[in-house]
Amino acid sequence: MSQKKYAVFTDTLCQGTIPCGMVHDENGMISWLVFDTEREAQLDIIDDIEEHIRQFRNEEREFNEIAFDDLFVVEVDLHEDGALSTADYGNFPPPPL
């Protein structure tokens, strides 16, 4: 059984298209960062952009480090074992511990 969720993905040169967020739970377990709605995933990208703009204004980051054109939202199936699968980008096992 799987659940429909949304995740932020990125294109990489070495690994291809991959999910780009992981979270730790209170027991130290690692899982993919997924969202219930597409909008929540989009807002996560916006939060990152806003943080990078703040860092640029505070001279903590260079201007060319603000761009996020390589991030996008993908509908995923979240499986009971923590794996993700997508229609276009394949399967991703649960993150390593």
Protein backbone atom coordinates (compact mmCIF):
# COMPACT_ATOMS: atom_id res chain seq x y z
CA MET A 1 0.00 0.00 0.00
CA SER A 2 1.33 3.46 -0.85
CA GLN A 3 0.23 7.04 -0.29
CA LYS A 4 0.18 9.84 -2.88
CA LYS A 5 2.51 12.62 -1.72
CA TYR A 6 4.70 15.34 -3.21
CA ALA A 7 8.46 15.79 -2.99
CA VAL A 8 11.00 18.35 -4.14
CA PHE A 9 13.39 16.97 -6.74
CA THR A 10 16.55 18.26 -8.38
CA ASP A 11 18.58 17.38 -11.46
CA THR A 12 22.17 16.35 -10.79
CA LEU A 13 25.00 15.59 -13.18
CA CYS A 14 26.12 12.38 -11.49
CA GLN A 15 22.91 10.87 -10.10
CA GLY A 16 20.28 12.19 -12.51
CA THR A 17 16.97 13.39 -11.11
CA ILE A 18 16.66 12.71 -7.38
CA PRO A 19 14.60 13.73 -4.34
CA CYS A 20 16.47 16.42 -2.46
CA GLY A 21 15.04 16.44 1.03
CA MET A 22 15.39 14.15 4.04
CA VAL A 23 14.23 14.53 7.63
CA HIS A 24 15.13 12.93 10.97
CA ASP A 25 12.37 11.84 13.33
CA GLU A 26 12.55 11.90 17.13
CA ASN A 27 14.14 8.42 17.11
CA GLY A 28 16.90 9.44 14.71
CA MET A 29 15.37 7.62 11.75
CA ILE A 30 15.85 9.27 8.35
CA SER A 31 13.04 9.49 5.80
CA TRP A 32 12.33 11.34 2.57
CA LEU A 33 10.84 14.81 2.99
CA VAL A 34 7.36 14.56 1.50
CA PHE A 35 4.32 16.82 1.57
CA ASP A 36 0.59 16.15 1.51
CA THR A 37 -0.06 18.75 -1.18
CA GLU A 38 1.76 20.15 -4.18
CA ARG A 39 1.38 23.65 -2.72
CA GLU A 40 3.15 22.67 0.51
CA ALA A 41 6.09 21.37 -1.55
CA GLN A 42 6.13 24.57 -3.62
CA LEU A 43 6.13 26.66 -0.45
CA ASP A 44 9.11 24.68 0.84
CA ILE A 45 11.05 25.77 -2.26
CA ILE A 46 9.92 29.37 -1.70
CA ASP A 47 11.09 29.22 1.93
CA ASP A 48 14.55 28.15 0.74
CA ILE A 49 14.67 30.95 -1.84
CA GLU A 50 13.66 33.53 0.77
CA GLU A 51 16.35 32.27 3.15
CA HIS A 52 19.00 32.52 0.44
CA ILE A 53 17.89 36.07 -0.42
CA ARG A 54 18.12 37.00 3.28
CA GLN A 55 21.63 35.51 3.41
CA PHE A 56 22.63 37.49 0.30
CA ARG A 57 21.34 40.72 1.84
CA ASN A 58 23.36 39.97 4.97
CA GLU A 59 26.44 39.26 2.80
CA GLU A 60 26.48 35.61 3.88
CA ARG A 61 25.93 34.26 0.35
CA GLU A 62 26.92 35.22 -3.21
CA PHE A 63 24.26 36.37 -5.68
CA ASN A 64 24.77 33.40 -8.01
CA GLU A 65 23.90 31.04 -5.13
CA ILE A 66 20.31 32.27 -4.94
CA ALA A 67 18.94 30.53 -8.06
CA PHE A 68 16.65 27.55 -7.55
CA ASP A 69 15.74 26.80 -11.14
CA ASP A 70 16.91 23.21 -10.65
CA LEU A 71 14.23 22.44 -8.01
CA PHE A 72 10.77 21.19 -8.93
CA VAL A 73 7.84 19.31 -7.36
CA VAL A 74 7.00 15.73 -8.30
CA GLU A 75 4.01 13.61 -7.29
CA VAL A 76 5.34 10.46 -5.63
CA ASP A 77 4.09 7.24 -4.12
CA LEU A 78 5.37 6.87 -0.55
CA HIS A 79 5.57 3.17 0.28
CA GLU A 80 5.21 1.62 3.74
CA ASP A 81 8.95 0.83 3.87
CA GLY A 82 9.79 4.51 3.23
CA ALA A 83 10.71 4.10 -0.46
CA LEU A 84 9.50 6.57 -3.07
CA SER A 85 8.41 5.83 -6.61
CA THR A 86 7.54 8.21 -9.43
CA ALA A 87 5.99 7.83 -12.85
CA ASP A 88 8.83 9.68 -14.60
CA TYR A 89 11.98 9.29 -12.48
CA GLY A 90 11.89 5.74 -11.16
CA ASN A 91 12.18 4.30 -7.67
CA PHE A 92 14.15 5.51 -4.68
CA PRO A 93 14.84 3.20 -1.73
CA PRO A 94 14.44 4.46 1.82
CA PRO A 95 17.32 6.82 2.73
CA PRO A 96 20.31 5.19 4.42
CA LEU A 97 20.43 5.32 8.21
